[in-house]
Protein backbone atom coordinates (compact mmCIF):
# COMPACT_ATOMS: atom_id res chain seq x y z
CA MET A 1 26.75 -43.75 -60.99
CA GLN A 2 24.25 -42.55 -58.39
CA ARG A 3 21.34 -44.90 -57.76
CA GLU A 4 17.89 -43.59 -58.52
CA ARG A 5 15.86 -43.08 -55.37
CA VAL A 6 12.22 -44.11 -55.03
CA ALA A 7 10.02 -43.31 -52.03
CA VAL A 8 6.86 -45.30 -51.28
CA VAL A 9 4.51 -43.60 -48.80
CA GLY A 10 2.24 -45.93 -46.83
CA ALA A 11 2.75 -49.27 -45.04
CA GLY A 12 -0.59 -50.95 -45.62
CA VAL A 13 -1.09 -53.86 -47.99
CA VAL A 14 -1.03 -51.58 -51.06
CA GLY A 15 2.11 -49.75 -49.93
CA PHE A 16 4.14 -52.82 -49.06
CA SER A 17 2.99 -54.71 -52.17
CA THR A 18 4.10 -51.78 -54.33
CA ALA A 19 7.42 -51.40 -52.48
CA VAL A 20 8.20 -55.11 -52.93
CA CYS A 21 7.33 -55.01 -56.64
CA VAL A 22 9.59 -51.99 -57.24
CA ALA A 23 12.51 -53.23 -55.11
CA GLU A 24 12.54 -56.68 -56.67
CA ALA A 25 12.04 -55.57 -60.28
CA LEU A 26 14.42 -52.58 -60.19
CA PRO A 27 17.44 -53.66 -58.14
CA SER A 28 19.43 -50.69 -59.47
CA CYS A 29 17.15 -48.36 -57.47
CA SER A 30 17.26 -47.41 -53.83
CA VAL A 31 13.70 -47.90 -52.50
CA THR A 32 12.55 -46.48 -49.16
CA LEU A 33 9.14 -47.05 -47.63
CA LEU A 34 7.97 -44.27 -45.30
CA ALA A 35 4.97 -44.42 -42.99
CA GLU A 36 3.74 -43.19 -39.65
CA LYS A 37 2.10 -46.52 -38.75
CA PHE A 38 3.16 -50.09 -39.43
CA SER A 39 1.61 -53.47 -38.72
CA PRO A 40 -0.23 -54.21 -36.46
CA HIS A 41 -1.54 -50.61 -36.50
CA THR A 42 -2.61 -50.24 -40.16
CA THR A 43 -6.11 -50.40 -41.61
CA SER A 44 -5.06 -53.52 -43.52
CA ASP A 45 -4.32 -55.42 -40.30
CA GLY A 46 -7.95 -55.88 -39.31
CA ALA A 47 -9.28 -56.64 -42.77
CA ALA A 48 -10.88 -60.05 -43.21
CA GLY A 49 -8.63 -60.35 -46.26
CA ILE A 50 -10.90 -62.53 -48.38
CA LEU A 51 -10.30 -62.20 -52.13
CA PHE A 52 -13.60 -60.99 -53.46
CA ALA A 53 -14.18 -58.06 -55.82
CA GLY A 54 -16.88 -55.52 -56.48
CA GLU A 55 -17.05 -53.52 -59.71
CA PHE A 56 -15.74 -49.98 -60.10
CA PRO A 57 -17.85 -47.87 -62.46
CA ASP A 58 -15.20 -46.07 -64.51
CA ILE A 59 -12.37 -48.59 -64.83
CA PRO A 60 -12.25 -50.87 -67.91
CA MET A 61 -13.35 -54.39 -67.08
CA GLU A 62 -10.18 -55.83 -68.62
CA THR A 63 -8.17 -53.74 -66.12
CA GLN A 64 -10.26 -54.92 -63.16
CA ARG A 65 -9.88 -58.54 -64.29
CA ARG A 66 -6.12 -58.11 -64.63
CA TRP A 67 -5.81 -56.61 -61.15
CA PHE A 68 -7.84 -59.44 -59.64
CA LYS A 69 -6.04 -62.19 -61.57
CA SER A 70 -2.57 -60.85 -60.75
CA SER A 71 -3.40 -60.66 -57.04
CA PHE A 72 -5.10 -64.05 -56.98
CA ASP A 73 -2.26 -65.82 -58.79
CA HIS A 74 0.36 -64.15 -56.58
CA LEU A 75 -1.39 -65.16 -53.37
CA LEU A 76 -2.25 -68.65 -54.67
CA ASP A 77 1.47 -69.28 -55.20
CA ILE A 78 2.07 -68.31 -51.56
CA ALA A 79 -0.89 -70.37 -50.28
CA GLN A 80 0.53 -73.45 -52.02
CA SER A 81 4.10 -72.90 -50.78
CA GLN A 82 6.01 -73.48 -47.55
CA HIS A 83 5.47 -69.78 -46.74
CA SER A 84 1.69 -70.16 -46.30
CA PRO A 85 1.50 -70.22 -42.46
CA GLU A 86 4.13 -67.49 -41.91
CA ALA A 87 2.56 -65.25 -44.58
CA GLY A 88 -0.97 -65.88 -43.31
CA VAL A 89 -2.26 -66.90 -46.75
CA MET A 90 -4.63 -69.85 -47.15
CA LEU A 91 -7.27 -71.27 -49.47
CA SER A 92 -10.84 -70.68 -48.29
CA SER A 93 -14.02 -72.29 -49.61
CA GLY A 94 -17.58 -71.23 -48.92
CA PHE A 95 -20.79 -69.54 -49.93
CA ASN A 96 -21.90 -66.10 -51.14
CA ILE A 97 -25.66 -65.98 -50.55
CA PHE A 98 -28.37 -63.63 -51.84
CA LYS A 99 -31.86 -62.82 -50.57
CA ASP A 100 -32.88 -62.38 -54.23
CA ALA A 101 -31.14 -63.68 -57.32
CA PRO A 102 -28.85 -61.01 -58.82
CA GLU A 103 -29.10 -59.86 -62.41
CA ASP A 104 -25.55 -61.07 -63.07
CA LYS A 105 -25.34 -64.59 -61.69
CA LYS A 106 -21.68 -64.97 -62.65
CA PRO A 107 -19.48 -62.00 -61.63
CA PHE A 108 -16.52 -60.95 -63.75
CA TRP A 109 -14.11 -62.85 -61.48
CA SER A 110 -16.04 -66.15 -61.48
CA ASP A 111 -13.57 -67.86 -63.84
CA LEU A 112 -10.56 -66.52 -61.91
CA VAL A 113 -11.34 -68.18 -58.55
CA ILE A 114 -11.37 -71.96 -58.09
CA GLY A 115 -14.42 -74.15 -58.77
CA PHE A 116 -17.06 -71.42 -59.06
CA ARG A 117 -20.61 -72.85 -59.29
CA LEU A 118 -24.16 -71.99 -58.30
CA MET A 119 -25.40 -73.44 -55.02
CA THR A 120 -27.89 -76.31 -55.10
CA ASP A 121 -31.38 -76.13 -53.60
CA SER A 122 -30.33 -78.52 -50.84
CA GLU A 123 -27.39 -76.27 -49.92
CA LEU A 124 -29.66 -73.22 -49.84
CA LYS A 125 -32.09 -74.90 -47.41
CA ARG A 126 -29.62 -74.04 -44.70
CA PHE A 127 -30.30 -70.34 -45.36
CA PRO A 128 -34.12 -70.03 -45.57
CA ASP A 129 -34.04 -66.23 -46.02
CA HIS A 130 -31.85 -66.53 -49.10
CA LYS A 131 -32.95 -67.65 -52.57
CA PHE A 132 -29.69 -67.81 -54.49
CA GLY A 133 -26.04 -68.54 -53.84
CA GLN A 134 -22.59 -69.04 -55.30
CA ALA A 135 -20.03 -71.55 -54.04
CA PHE A 136 -16.30 -71.25 -54.77
CA THR A 137 -12.80 -71.44 -53.35
CA THR A 138 -10.86 -68.23 -52.99
CA ILE A 139 -7.96 -67.03 -50.82
CA LYS A 140 -7.84 -65.51 -47.35
CA CYS A 141 -4.86 -63.27 -46.67
CA GLU A 142 -4.40 -62.26 -43.03
CA CYS A 143 -2.48 -59.00 -43.08
CA SER A 144 -1.33 -59.22 -39.44
CA SER A 145 0.97 -61.98 -40.74
CA TYR A 146 1.24 -60.97 -44.40
CA LEU A 147 2.48 -57.40 -43.80
CA PRO A 148 5.47 -58.43 -41.62
CA TRP A 149 6.22 -61.17 -44.18
CA LEU A 150 6.15 -58.61 -47.02
CA GLU A 151 8.36 -56.26 -45.01
CA LYS A 152 10.94 -59.02 -44.59
CA ARG A 153 10.77 -59.72 -48.34
CA PHE A 154 11.17 -55.99 -49.05
CA ARG A 155 14.25 -55.71 -46.83
CA THR A 156 15.74 -58.84 -48.44
CA ALA A 157 15.40 -57.06 -51.80
CA GLY A 158 17.44 -54.15 -50.41
CA GLY A 159 14.53 -51.95 -49.41
CA GLN A 160 14.77 -49.54 -46.50
CA VAL A 161 12.02 -48.68 -44.02
CA GLU A 162 11.61 -45.35 -42.24
CA GLN A 163 8.96 -44.56 -39.65
CA ARG A 164 7.88 -40.95 -40.09
CA LYS A 165 4.74 -39.00 -40.80
CA VAL A 166 4.81 -37.46 -44.25
CA ASN A 167 2.75 -34.26 -44.06
CA SER A 168 3.50 -33.04 -47.58
CA LEU A 169 5.11 -34.45 -50.71
CA GLN A 170 7.24 -31.27 -50.70
CA GLU A 171 9.21 -32.82 -47.81
CA LEU A 172 10.41 -35.61 -50.12
CA SER A 173 11.08 -33.59 -53.27
CA ASN A 174 14.83 -33.10 -52.82
CA SER A 175 15.56 -36.62 -51.58
CA TYR A 176 13.83 -38.81 -54.18
CA ASP A 177 13.60 -39.11 -57.96
CA VAL A 178 10.13 -40.74 -57.91
CA ILE A 179 7.47 -40.65 -55.17
CA VAL A 180 4.83 -43.40 -54.96
CA ASN A 181 1.76 -42.38 -52.98
CA CYS A 182 0.05 -45.35 -51.29
CA SER A 183 -1.28 -43.36 -48.36
CA GLY A 184 -4.89 -44.58 -48.58
CA LEU A 185 -7.28 -42.37 -46.67
CA GLY A 186 -4.31 -40.09 -45.92
CA SER A 187 -4.43 -38.97 -49.56
CA LYS A 188 -7.37 -36.76 -48.65
CA LEU A 189 -4.90 -34.41 -46.95
CA LEU A 190 -1.57 -35.44 -48.48
CA VAL A 191 -2.60 -34.75 -52.09
CA GLY A 192 -5.90 -32.92 -51.48
CA ASP A 193 -8.12 -35.67 -52.90
CA ASP A 194 -11.67 -34.69 -51.94
CA GLN A 195 -13.05 -37.91 -53.42
CA MET A 196 -11.50 -39.88 -50.57
CA HIS A 197 -13.88 -40.79 -47.74
CA PRO A 198 -13.99 -43.39 -44.99
CA VAL A 199 -16.33 -46.38 -44.92
CA ARG A 200 -16.23 -47.57 -41.33
CA GLY A 201 -15.95 -51.31 -40.71
CA GLN A 202 -16.30 -53.10 -37.38
CA VAL A 203 -15.49 -56.79 -36.99
CA LEU A 204 -14.98 -59.33 -34.23
CA GLN A 205 -12.33 -62.00 -33.98
CA VAL A 206 -13.81 -65.17 -32.49
CA GLU A 207 -12.46 -68.57 -31.53
CA ALA A 208 -14.45 -71.09 -33.59
CA PRO A 209 -12.09 -73.82 -34.88
CA TRP A 210 -15.02 -75.98 -35.96
CA LEU A 211 -15.93 -73.54 -38.75
CA LYS A 212 -14.34 -74.57 -42.05
CA HIS A 213 -16.30 -72.63 -44.68
CA PHE A 214 -16.90 -68.93 -45.16
CA ILE A 215 -20.45 -67.55 -45.39
CA ARG A 216 -21.01 -64.11 -46.88
CA ASP A 217 -24.33 -62.34 -47.26
CA ALA A 218 -24.14 -60.66 -50.66
CA ASP A 219 -25.07 -57.29 -49.18
CA GLY A 220 -21.51 -57.29 -47.80
CA LYS A 221 -22.58 -56.43 -44.26
CA THR A 222 -22.79 -59.89 -42.67
CA TYR A 223 -20.02 -62.44 -43.04
CA ILE A 224 -18.11 -65.24 -41.34
CA TYR A 225 -14.54 -65.91 -42.53
CA PRO A 226 -12.67 -68.73 -40.77
CA GLY A 227 -8.93 -68.10 -40.68
CA ILE A 228 -5.64 -69.56 -39.50
CA ARG A 229 -5.82 -68.30 -35.90
CA TRP A 230 -9.43 -67.13 -35.55
CA ALA A 231 -12.61 -66.46 -37.51
CA THR A 232 -13.39 -62.88 -38.51
CA ILE A 233 -17.09 -62.04 -38.31
CA GLY A 234 -18.77 -58.80 -39.24
CA GLY A 235 -19.60 -56.25 -40.05
CA THR A 236 -20.55 -52.70 -40.90
CA ARG A 237 -20.30 -50.38 -43.93
CA GLN A 238 -20.82 -46.85 -42.65
CA GLU A 239 -20.11 -44.17 -45.26
CA GLY A 240 -18.40 -41.02 -44.01
CA ASP A 241 -18.12 -42.33 -40.43
CA TRP A 242 -14.75 -41.52 -38.85
CA ARG A 243 -15.32 -43.27 -35.48
CA LEU A 244 -12.48 -45.62 -34.55
CA GLN A 245 -13.85 -46.92 -31.27
CA ALA A 246 -15.89 -50.14 -31.18
CA ASP A 247 -19.63 -49.74 -30.72
CA ASP A 248 -21.31 -52.18 -28.29
CA GLY A 249 -24.60 -52.02 -30.17
CA GLU A 250 -22.86 -53.01 -33.40
CA THR A 251 -21.02 -55.86 -31.63
CA LYS A 252 -24.39 -57.22 -30.51
CA SER A 253 -25.84 -56.80 -34.01
CA ILE A 254 -22.88 -58.62 -35.60
CA LEU A 255 -23.26 -61.58 -33.23
CA GLU A 256 -27.01 -61.74 -33.88
CA ARG A 257 -26.74 -61.49 -37.68
CA CYS A 258 -23.89 -63.99 -37.92
CA GLY A 259 -25.73 -66.30 -35.53
CA GLY A 260 -28.65 -66.22 -37.94
CA LEU A 261 -26.40 -67.64 -40.68
CA GLU A 262 -24.38 -69.98 -38.44
CA PRO A 263 -26.10 -70.78 -35.11
CA SER A 264 -22.91 -72.22 -33.57
CA ILE A 265 -21.42 -68.69 -33.51
CA GLY A 266 -23.26 -68.37 -30.20
CA LYS A 267 -20.73 -70.82 -28.73
CA ALA A 268 -17.68 -68.95 -30.06
CA LYS A 269 -15.43 -67.06 -27.68
CA VAL A 270 -14.96 -63.39 -28.65
CA LEU A 271 -11.20 -62.73 -28.74
CA GLY A 272 -11.29 -59.10 -29.78
CA GLU A 273 -13.01 -56.24 -31.60
CA TRP A 274 -11.52 -54.15 -34.38
CA VAL A 275 -12.58 -51.00 -36.20
CA GLY A 276 -11.04 -49.69 -39.42
CA LEU A 277 -11.78 -47.00 -41.98
CA ARG A 278 -11.78 -48.33 -45.53
CA PRO A 279 -10.03 -45.82 -47.85
CA SER A 280 -12.83 -45.39 -50.36
CA ARG A 281 -13.43 -43.40 -53.52
CA ARG A 282 -15.51 -43.94 -56.66
CA ASN A 283 -12.56 -45.67 -58.37
CA PRO A 284 -9.06 -46.54 -57.15
CA ARG A 285 -6.49 -44.01 -58.35
CA VAL A 286 -3.64 -45.74 -60.17
CA GLU A 287 -1.96 -43.11 -62.31
CA ARG A 288 1.08 -40.91 -62.70
CA GLU A 289 1.48 -37.15 -62.60
CA VAL A 290 4.50 -34.87 -62.69
CA ALA A 291 4.27 -32.49 -59.74
CA ARG A 292 6.20 -29.28 -59.21
CA LEU A 293 7.69 -29.64 -55.74
CA ARG A 294 10.04 -26.94 -54.45
CA GLY A 295 10.98 -25.94 -57.96
CA ARG A 296 11.66 -29.51 -59.16
CA ARG A 297 9.50 -31.55 -61.49
CA VAL A 298 9.03 -34.86 -59.65
CA PRO A 299 7.05 -37.86 -60.99
CA VAL A 300 4.41 -38.94 -58.48
CA VAL A 301 2.76 -42.35 -58.96
CA HIS A 302 -0.56 -42.75 -57.13
CA ASN A 303 -1.91 -46.12 -55.99
CA TYR A 304 -4.72 -45.71 -53.47
CA GLY A 305 -8.47 -45.66 -52.94
CA HIS A 306 -9.21 -49.41 -53.08
CA GLY A 307 -11.99 -49.25 -50.47
CA ALA A 308 -12.94 -52.71 -49.22
CA TYR A 309 -10.82 -54.40 -51.90
CA GLY A 310 -7.28 -53.47 -50.86
CA VAL A 311 -6.14 -57.03 -50.20
CA THR A 312 -7.98 -58.27 -53.29
CA LEU A 313 -6.37 -55.82 -55.71
CA ALA A 314 -3.10 -54.80 -54.03
CA TRP A 315 -0.68 -56.92 -56.05
CA GLY A 316 -2.43 -56.18 -59.34
CA THR A 317 -2.37 -52.41 -58.86
CA ALA A 318 1.19 -52.64 -57.50
CA LEU A 319 2.33 -54.15 -60.81
CA ASP A 320 0.68 -51.26 -62.66
CA ALA A 321 2.38 -48.78 -60.30
CA LEU A 322 5.71 -50.51 -60.97
CA GLY A 323 5.18 -49.91 -64.70
CA LEU A 324 4.59 -46.22 -64.02
CA VAL A 325 7.72 -45.98 -61.85
CA ARG A 326 9.79 -47.69 -64.55
CA ARG A 327 8.45 -45.29 -67.18
CA SER A 328 9.24 -42.29 -64.96
CA LEU A 329 12.84 -43.39 -64.47
CA GLN A 330 13.32 -44.15 -68.15
CA GLU A 331 12.03 -40.72 -69.13
CA ALA A 332 14.34 -39.05 -66.61
CA SER A 333 17.31 -41.06 -67.84
CA PRO A 334 16.75 -42.50 -71.33
CA GLN A 335 20.07 -44.33 -71.16
CA ALA A 336 19.17 -46.09 -67.92
CA ARG A 337 18.77 -49.79 -68.45
CA LEU A 338 15.76 -50.68 -66.30
């Protein structure tokens, strides 16, 4: 019996998470991941990788909670295992601080992270411009380690990897039974999604081993995230900005803003700069359609558009995408035991 063939397009954290989920859950399938760029050249590679979620306006809250919880639990298992250093996954504790108290003092994910509480007045004295704060332990997932680790796990599950630029889903129509689109910002051209737009982010990697706690300004533009090999400090959120080169003025601004929260940043050695374009849209697209490609009806499962929350939600949306792949194969072959 011929094995069903699944293509996953995209080698960022969403693409590899989805490919691993499909390859491990459906061993009867042949799964191939195709991408033009792999780690260390993906958008995911430079992400700070801290598990922290915003709210999407049109997605049921129970779905957003499930995505967050699935990703958190998956990464927590890795952080507490022997694979933690190789996978680049660690526990991270710290503070999310606000200039003014928010309307919702406890976000939807507050009971899904570890030890969530409100900051005390004495803790807030350290940040005189801020009136309110939340303290908790979450997870930091460094994709420059995590993506190669996921690729190894994918290959162990029998997955195949092919480096090629996919210009059109038509190219894949005769070779695969199901196509999974995890092309991020590339979906703007690949599937004509006009909702997709870049949100430019610039960060610095600095050597500051004395920093043990993250600090995040709740506006999402200034943050310090200590990691395994360096601290990531940032940043910028520039809607519709396609520039990929680092901006010296923004580097200076990042150092000044982060120095305002943590004065010792001034003593940190700058190891590198990084710019990435977050693949943003109003809501992530996690859904299935049946496309007519070169005369064939081919199920296409979409999983993209996570914006700044790719690392946070990747495993959760990958599990949903797996369900859509399974359904597509079952409908194509009702007798198939998947």
